[in-house]
PDB file of all heavy atoms in Angstrom:
ATOM      1  N   LEU A   1      36.110  32.649  23.263  1.00  0.00           N
ATOM      2  CA  LEU A   1      36.811  33.908  23.071  1.00  0.00           C
ATOM      3  C   LEU A   1      38.171  33.784  23.739  1.00  0.00           C
ATOM      4  O   LEU A   1      38.336  33.026  24.704  1.00  0.00           O
ATOM      5  CB  LEU A   1      36.042  35.061  23.716  1.00  0.00           C
ATOM      6  CG  LEU A   1      34.659  35.405  23.179  1.00  0.00           C
ATOM      7  CD1 LEU A   1      34.043  36.516  24.025  1.00  0.00           C
ATOM      8  CD2 LEU A   1      34.729  35.820  21.733  1.00  0.00           C
ATOM      9  N   ALA A   2      39.129  34.534  23.239  1.00  0.00           N
ATOM     10  CA  ALA A   2      40.457  34.515  23.861  1.00  0.00           C
ATOM     11  C   ALA A   2      40.934  35.943  24.081  1.00  0.00           C
ATOM     12  O   ALA A   2      40.781  36.803  23.207  1.00  0.00           O
ATOM     13  CB  ALA A   2      41.452  33.766  22.983  1.00  0.00           C
ATOM     14  N   HIS A   3      41.482  36.191  25.256  1.00  0.00           N
ATOM     15  CA  HIS A   3      42.119  37.456  25.588  1.00  0.00           C
ATOM     16  C   HIS A   3      43.619  37.206  25.699  1.00  0.00           C
ATOM     17  O   HIS A   3      44.053  36.314  26.444  1.00  0.00           O
ATOM     18  CB  HIS A   3      41.586  38.009  26.906  1.00  0.00           C
ATOM     19  CG  HIS A   3      40.143  38.403  26.864  1.00  0.00           C
ATOM     20  ND1 HIS A   3      39.698  39.482  26.139  1.00  0.00           N
ATOM     21  CD2 HIS A   3      39.052  37.869  27.464  1.00  0.00           C
ATOM     22  CE1 HIS A   3      38.388  39.596  26.288  1.00  0.00           C
ATOM     23  NE2 HIS A   3      37.968  38.626  27.073  1.00  0.00           N
ATOM     24  N   PHE A   4      44.413  37.985  24.963  1.00  0.00           N
ATOM     25  CA  PHE A   4      45.865  37.874  24.991  1.00  0.00           C
ATOM     26  C   PHE A   4      46.452  39.172  25.540  1.00  0.00           C
ATOM     27  O   PHE A   4      45.999  40.266  25.187  1.00  0.00           O
ATOM     28  CB  PHE A   4      46.431  37.633  23.585  1.00  0.00           C
ATOM     29  CG  PHE A   4      45.839  36.459  22.868  1.00  0.00           C
ATOM     30  CD1 PHE A   4      45.436  36.568  21.540  1.00  0.00           C
ATOM     31  CD2 PHE A   4      45.674  35.241  23.510  1.00  0.00           C
ATOM     32  CE1 PHE A   4      44.888  35.490  20.863  1.00  0.00           C
ATOM     33  CE2 PHE A   4      45.133  34.148  22.841  1.00  0.00           C
ATOM     34  CZ  PHE A   4      44.735  34.281  21.516  1.00  0.00           C
ATOM     35  N   THR A   5      47.475  39.053  26.370  1.00  0.00           N
ATOM     36  CA  THR A   5      48.182  40.206  26.918  1.00  0.00           C
ATOM     37  C   THR A   5      49.649  40.085  26.529  1.00  0.00           C
ATOM     38  O   THR A   5      50.373  39.237  27.045  1.00  0.00           O
ATOM     39  CB  THR A   5      48.043  40.266  28.448  1.00  0.00           C
ATOM     40  OG1 THR A   5      46.658  40.286  28.800  1.00  0.00           O
ATOM     41  CG2 THR A   5      48.718  41.511  29.003  1.00  0.00           C
ATOM     42  N   VAL A   6      50.082  40.933  25.585  1.00  0.00           N
ATOM     43  CA  VAL A   6      51.457  40.893  25.068  1.00  0.00           C
ATOM     44  C   VAL A   6      52.251  42.017  25.727  1.00  0.00           C
ATOM     45  O   VAL A   6      51.946  43.200  25.514  1.00  0.00           O
ATOM     46  CB  VAL A   6      51.482  41.054  23.540  1.00  0.00           C
ATOM     47  CG1 VAL A   6      52.917  40.948  23.021  1.00  0.00           C
ATOM     48  CG2 VAL A   6      50.583  40.020  22.873  1.00  0.00           C
ATOM     49  N   PRO A   7      53.253  41.699  26.547  1.00  0.00           N
ATOM     50  CA  PRO A   7      54.012  42.760  27.228  1.00  0.00           C
ATOM     51  C   PRO A   7      54.664  43.708  26.228  1.00  0.00           C
ATOM     52  O   PRO A   7      55.215  43.278  25.213  1.00  0.00           O
ATOM     53  CB  PRO A   7      55.073  41.979  28.021  1.00  0.00           C
ATOM     54  CG  PRO A   7      54.559  40.585  28.110  1.00  0.00           C
ATOM     55  CD  PRO A   7      53.759  40.357  26.867  1.00  0.00           C
ATOM     56  N   CYS A   8      54.603  45.004  26.507  1.00  0.00           N
ATOM     57  CA  CYS A   8      55.201  45.962  25.574  1.00  0.00           C
ATOM     58  C   CYS A   8      56.724  45.865  25.575  1.00  0.00           C
ATOM     59  O   CYS A   8      57.376  46.379  24.665  1.00  0.00           O
ATOM     60  CB  CYS A   8      54.745  47.383  25.891  1.00  0.00           C
ATOM     61  SG  CYS A   8      55.465  48.111  27.377  1.00  0.00           S
ATOM     62  N   GLU A   9      57.291  45.218  26.591  1.00  0.00           N
ATOM     63  CA  GLU A   9      58.747  45.035  26.631  1.00  0.00           C
ATOM     64  C   GLU A   9      59.218  43.950  25.660  1.00  0.00           C
ATOM     65  O   GLU A   9      60.422  43.800  25.437  1.00  0.00           O
ATOM     66  CB  GLU A   9      59.196  44.662  28.043  1.00  0.00           C
ATOM     67  CG  GLU A   9      58.918  45.719  29.095  1.00  0.00           C
ATOM     68  CD  GLU A   9      57.505  45.658  29.631  1.00  0.00           C
ATOM     69  OE1 GLU A   9      56.788  44.662  29.335  1.00  0.00           O
ATOM     70  OE2 GLU A   9      57.087  46.599  30.333  1.00  0.00           O
ATOM     71  N   SER A  10      58.291  43.175  25.109  1.00  0.00           N
ATOM     72  CA  SER A  10      58.692  42.105  24.204  1.00  0.00           C
ATOM     73  C   SER A  10      59.401  42.677  22.989  1.00  0.00           C
ATOM     74  O   SER A  10      59.132  43.808  22.563  1.00  0.00           O
ATOM     75  CB  SER A  10      57.481  41.274  23.772  1.00  0.00           C
ATOM     76  OG  SER A  10      56.579  42.048  23.021  1.00  0.00           O
ATOM     77  N   SER A  11      60.290  41.888  22.419  1.00  0.00           N
ATOM     78  CA  SER A  11      61.102  42.379  21.306  1.00  0.00           C
ATOM     79  C   SER A  11      60.310  42.495  20.014  1.00  0.00           C
ATOM     80  O   SER A  11      60.699  43.245  19.113  1.00  0.00           O
ATOM     81  CB  SER A  11      62.297  41.442  21.088  1.00  0.00           C
ATOM     82  OG  SER A  11      61.852  40.118  20.807  1.00  0.00           O
ATOM     83  N   HIS A  12      59.188  41.776  19.905  1.00  0.00           N
ATOM     84  CA  HIS A  12      58.420  41.753  18.677  1.00  0.00           C
ATOM     85  C   HIS A  12      56.927  41.939  18.965  1.00  0.00           C
ATOM     86  O   HIS A  12      56.426  41.519  20.004  1.00  0.00           O
ATOM     87  CB  HIS A  12      58.599  40.419  17.947  1.00  0.00           C
ATOM     88  CG  HIS A  12      59.964  40.220  17.360  1.00  0.00           C
ATOM     89  ND1 HIS A  12      61.111  40.084  18.127  1.00  0.00           N
ATOM     90  CD2 HIS A  12      60.379  40.133  16.060  1.00  0.00           C
ATOM     91  CE1 HIS A  12      62.157  39.917  17.327  1.00  0.00           C
ATOM     92  NE2 HIS A  12      61.739  39.947  16.080  1.00  0.00           N
ATOM     93  N   LEU A  13      56.242  42.563  18.006  1.00  0.00           N
ATOM     94  CA  LEU A  13      54.790  42.487  17.975  1.00  0.00           C
ATOM     95  C   LEU A  13      54.430  41.363  17.003  1.00  0.00           C
ATOM     96  O   LEU A  13      55.271  40.872  16.251  1.00  0.00           O
ATOM     97  CB  LEU A  13      54.163  43.823  17.575  1.00  0.00           C
ATOM     98  CG  LEU A  13      54.558  44.475  16.246  1.00  0.00           C
ATOM     99  CD1 LEU A  13      53.731  43.928  15.081  1.00  0.00           C
ATOM    100  CD2 LEU A  13      54.395  45.985  16.325  1.00  0.00           C
ATOM    101  N   ILE A  14      53.187  40.937  17.019  1.00  0.00           N
ATOM    102  CA  ILE A  14      52.753  39.835  16.174  1.00  0.00           C
ATOM    103  C   ILE A  14      51.803  40.380  15.117  1.00  0.00           C
ATOM    104  O   ILE A  14      50.800  41.016  15.444  1.00  0.00           O
ATOM    105  CB  ILE A  14      52.071  38.732  17.013  1.00  0.00           C
ATOM    106  CG1 ILE A  14      53.053  38.184  18.052  1.00  0.00           C
ATOM    107  CG2 ILE A  14      51.575  37.603  16.108  1.00  0.00           C
ATOM    108  CD1 ILE A  14      52.427  37.274  19.084  1.00  0.00           C
ATOM    109  N   GLU A  15      52.139  40.172  13.873  1.00  0.00           N
ATOM    110  CA  GLU A  15      51.322  40.695  12.774  1.00  0.00           C
ATOM    111  C   GLU A  15      49.947  40.037  12.823  1.00  0.00           C
ATOM    112  O   GLU A  15      49.821  38.827  12.983  1.00  0.00           O
ATOM    113  CB  GLU A  15      52.045  40.427  11.450  1.00  0.00           C
ATOM    114  CG  GLU A  15      51.427  41.090  10.255  1.00  0.00           C
ATOM    115  CD  GLU A  15      50.277  40.275   9.712  1.00  0.00           C
ATOM    116  OE1 GLU A  15      50.473  39.079   9.429  1.00  0.00           O
ATOM    117  OE2 GLU A  15      49.172  40.849   9.611  1.00  0.00           O
ATOM    118  N   SER A  16      48.893  40.849  12.671  1.00  0.00           N
ATOM    119  CA  SER A  16      47.544  40.389  12.993  1.00  0.00           C
ATOM    120  C   SER A  16      47.009  39.326  12.025  1.00  0.00           C
ATOM    121  O   SER A  16      46.321  38.404  12.453  1.00  0.00           O
ATOM    122  CB  SER A  16      46.580  41.577  13.047  1.00  0.00           C
ATOM    123  OG  SER A  16      46.538  42.247  11.805  1.00  0.00           O
ATOM    124  N   LYS A  17      47.291  39.459  10.729  1.00  0.00           N
ATOM    125  CA  LYS A  17      46.778  38.430   9.820  1.00  0.00           C
ATOM    126  C   LYS A  17      47.433  37.088  10.094  1.00  0.00           C
ATOM    127  O   LYS A  17      46.780  36.040  10.014  1.00  0.00           O
ATOM    128  CB  LYS A  17      46.977  38.826   8.354  1.00  0.00           C
ATOM    129  CG  LYS A  17      46.331  37.818   7.402  1.00  0.00           C
ATOM    130  CD  LYS A  17      46.357  38.264   5.960  1.00  0.00           C
ATOM    131  CE  LYS A  17      45.675  37.230   5.066  1.00  0.00           C
ATOM    132  NZ  LYS A  17      45.676  37.649   3.639  1.00  0.00           N
ATOM    133  N   SER A  18      48.712  37.110  10.450  1.00  0.00           N
ATOM    134  CA  SER A  18      49.371  35.844  10.773  1.00  0.00           C
ATOM    135  C   SER A  18      48.751  35.213  12.014  1.00  0.00           C
ATOM    136  O   SER A  18      48.630  33.988  12.107  1.00  0.00           O
ATOM    137  CB  SER A  18      50.876  36.063  10.973  1.00  0.00           C
ATOM    138  OG  SER A  18      51.190  36.597  12.248  1.00  0.00           O
ATOM    139  N   LEU A  19      48.332  36.050  12.957  1.00  0.00           N
ATOM    140  CA  LEU A  19      47.659  35.515  14.147  1.00  0.00           C
ATOM    141  C   LEU A  19      46.313  34.906  13.765  1.00  0.00           C
ATOM    142  O   LEU A  19      45.930  33.848  14.281  1.00  0.00           O
ATOM    143  CB  LEU A  19      47.491  36.599  15.198  1.00  0.00           C
ATOM    144  CG  LEU A  19      46.812  36.188  16.505  1.00  0.00           C
ATOM    145  CD1 LEU A  19      47.478  34.979  17.138  1.00  0.00           C
ATOM    146  CD2 LEU A  19      46.791  37.350  17.492  1.00  0.00           C
ATOM    147  N   LYS A  20      45.584  35.560  12.847  1.00  0.00           N
ATOM    148  CA  LYS A  20      44.324  34.991  12.395  1.00  0.00           C
ATOM    149  C   LYS A  20      44.549  33.639  11.724  1.00  0.00           C
ATOM    150  O   LYS A  20      43.817  32.665  11.990  1.00  0.00           O
ATOM    151  CB  LYS A  20      43.626  35.944  11.424  1.00  0.00           C
ATOM    152  CG  LYS A  20      42.331  35.376  10.870  1.00  0.00           C
ATOM    153  CD  LYS A  20      41.620  36.321   9.928  1.00  0.00           C
ATOM    154  CE  LYS A  20      40.331  35.675   9.428  1.00  0.00           C
ATOM    155  NZ  LYS A  20      39.525  36.587   8.596  1.00  0.00           N
ATOM    156  N   LEU A  21      45.540  33.555  10.843  1.00  0.00           N
ATOM    157  CA  LEU A  21      45.835  32.288  10.177  1.00  0.00           C
ATOM    158  C   LEU A  21      46.219  31.209  11.190  1.00  0.00           C
ATOM    159  O   LEU A  21      45.803  30.051  11.084  1.00  0.00           O
ATOM    160  CB  LEU A  21      46.955  32.474   9.156  1.00  0.00           C
ATOM    161  CG  LEU A  21      46.628  33.360   7.949  1.00  0.00           C
ATOM    162  CD1 LEU A  21      47.886  33.618   7.122  1.00  0.00           C
ATOM    163  CD2 LEU A  21      45.540  32.734   7.089  1.00  0.00           C
ATOM    164  N   TYR A  22      47.015  31.611  12.167  1.00  0.00           N
ATOM    165  CA  TYR A  22      47.425  30.676  13.224  1.00  0.00           C
ATOM    166  C   TYR A  22      46.210  30.173  14.002  1.00  0.00           C
ATOM    167  O   TYR A  22      46.070  28.964  14.241  1.00  0.00           O
ATOM    168  CB  TYR A  22      48.421  31.382  14.146  1.00  0.00           C
ATOM    169  CG  TYR A  22      48.646  30.723  15.478  1.00  0.00           C
ATOM    170  CD1 TYR A  22      49.371  29.538  15.591  1.00  0.00           C
ATOM    171  CD2 TYR A  22      48.143  31.296  16.652  1.00  0.00           C
ATOM    172  CE1 TYR A  22      49.583  28.948  16.833  1.00  0.00           C
ATOM    173  CE2 TYR A  22      48.347  30.717  17.884  1.00  0.00           C
ATOM    174  CZ  TYR A  22      49.071  29.539  17.975  1.00  0.00           C
ATOM    175  OH  TYR A  22      49.273  28.954  19.197  1.00  0.00           O
ATOM    176  N   LEU A  23      45.320  31.082  14.391  1.00  0.00           N
ATOM    177  CA  LEU A  23      44.138  30.662  15.146  1.00  0.00           C
ATOM    178  C   LEU A  23      43.247  29.749  14.301  1.00  0.00           C
ATOM    179  O   LEU A  23      42.661  28.792  14.811  1.00  0.00           O
ATOM    180  CB  LEU A  23      43.360  31.874  15.627  1.00  0.00           C
ATOM    181  CG  LEU A  23      44.060  32.752  16.673  1.00  0.00           C
ATOM    182  CD1 LEU A  23      43.205  33.975  16.999  1.00  0.00           C
ATOM    183  CD2 LEU A  23      44.374  31.970  17.947  1.00  0.00           C
ATOM    184  N   ASN A  24      43.150  30.033  12.995  1.00  0.00           N
ATOM    185  CA  ASN A  24      42.372  29.154  12.126  1.00  0.00           C
ATOM    186  C   ASN A  24      42.965  27.757  12.030  1.00  0.00           C
ATOM    187  O   ASN A  24      42.254  26.796  11.753  1.00  0.00           O
ATOM    188  CB  ASN A  24      42.247  29.763  10.733  1.00  0.00           C
ATOM    189  CG  ASN A  24      41.029  30.644  10.582  1.00  0.00           C
ATOM    190  OD1 ASN A  24      39.941  30.175  10.285  1.00  0.00           O
ATOM    191  ND2 ASN A  24      41.213  31.927  10.812  1.00  0.00           N
ATOM    192  N   SER A  25      44.271  27.643  12.268  1.00  0.00           N
ATOM    193  CA  SER A  25      44.904  26.327  12.177  1.00  0.00           C
ATOM    194  C   SER A  25      44.469  25.388  13.301  1.00  0.00           C
ATOM    195  O   SER A  25      44.737  24.192  13.250  1.00  0.00           O
ATOM    196  CB  SER A  25      46.438  26.478  12.166  1.00  0.00           C
ATOM    197  OG  SER A  25      46.974  26.691  13.459  1.00  0.00           O
ATOM    198  N   PHE A  26      43.769  25.932  14.305  1.00  0.00           N
ATOM    199  CA  PHE A  26      43.238  25.094  15.377  1.00  0.00           C
ATOM    200  C   PHE A  26      41.934  24.399  14.967  1.00  0.00           C
ATOM    201  O   PHE A  26      41.482  23.473  15.629  1.00  0.00           O
ATOM    202  CB  PHE A  26      42.967  25.940  16.628  1.00  0.00           C
ATOM    203  CG  PHE A  26      44.189  26.309  17.413  1.00  0.00           C
ATOM    204  CD1 PHE A  26      45.162  27.145  16.880  1.00  0.00           C
ATOM    205  CD2 PHE A  26      44.381  25.831  18.702  1.00  0.00           C
ATOM    206  CE1 PHE A  26      46.284  27.495  17.609  1.00  0.00           C
ATOM    207  CE2 PHE A  26      45.497  26.175  19.438  1.00  0.00           C
ATOM    208  CZ  PHE A  26      46.451  27.006  18.891  1.00  0.00           C
ATOM    209  N   ASN A  27      41.305  24.860  13.884  1.00  0.00           N
ATOM    210  CA  ASN A  27      39.920  24.507  13.599  1.00  0.00           C
ATOM    211  C   ASN A  27      39.644  23.012  13.521  1.00  0.00           C
ATOM    212  O   ASN A  27      38.613  22.538  14.003  1.00  0.00           O
ATOM    213  CB  ASN A  27      39.462  25.163  12.295  1.00  0.00           C
ATOM    214  CG  ASN A  27      39.263  26.656  12.441  1.00  0.00           C
ATOM    215  OD1 ASN A  27      39.305  27.197  13.535  1.00  0.00           O
ATOM    216  ND2 ASN A  27      39.059  27.336  11.320  1.00  0.00           N
ATOM    217  N   ASN A  28      40.527  22.255  12.871  1.00  0.00           N
ATOM    218  CA  ASN A  28      40.312  20.813  12.713  1.00  0.00           C
ATOM    219  C   ASN A  28      41.360  20.002  13.459  1.00  0.00           C
ATOM    220  O   ASN A  28      41.677  18.879  13.069  1.00  0.00           O
ATOM    221  CB  ASN A  28      40.301  20.421  11.233  1.00  0.00           C
ATOM    222  CG  ASN A  28      39.004  20.809  10.559  1.00  0.00           C
ATOM    223  OD1 ASN A  28      37.955  20.873  11.206  1.00  0.00           O
ATOM    224  ND2 ASN A  28      39.049  21.071   9.258  1.00  0.00           N
ATOM    225  N   THR A  29      41.890  20.597  14.528  1.00  0.00           N
ATOM    226  CA  THR A  29      42.883  19.927  15.351  1.00  0.00           C
ATOM    227  C   THR A  29      42.245  19.511  16.662  1.00  0.00           C
ATOM    228  O   THR A  29      41.518  20.292  17.279  1.00  0.00           O
ATOM    229  CB  THR A  29      44.084  20.852  15.629  1.00  0.00           C
ATOM    230  OG1 THR A  29      44.629  21.293  14.383  1.00  0.00           O
ATOM    231  CG2 THR A  29      45.150  20.135  16.421  1.00  0.00           C
TER     232      THR A  29
END
């Protein structure tokens, strides 16, 4: 499991489906 803490002061939020795709890219690495 992973817990992420994104500061609200950051200039951008991260779109959730893109994060899912990114995390899936670890699968065979």
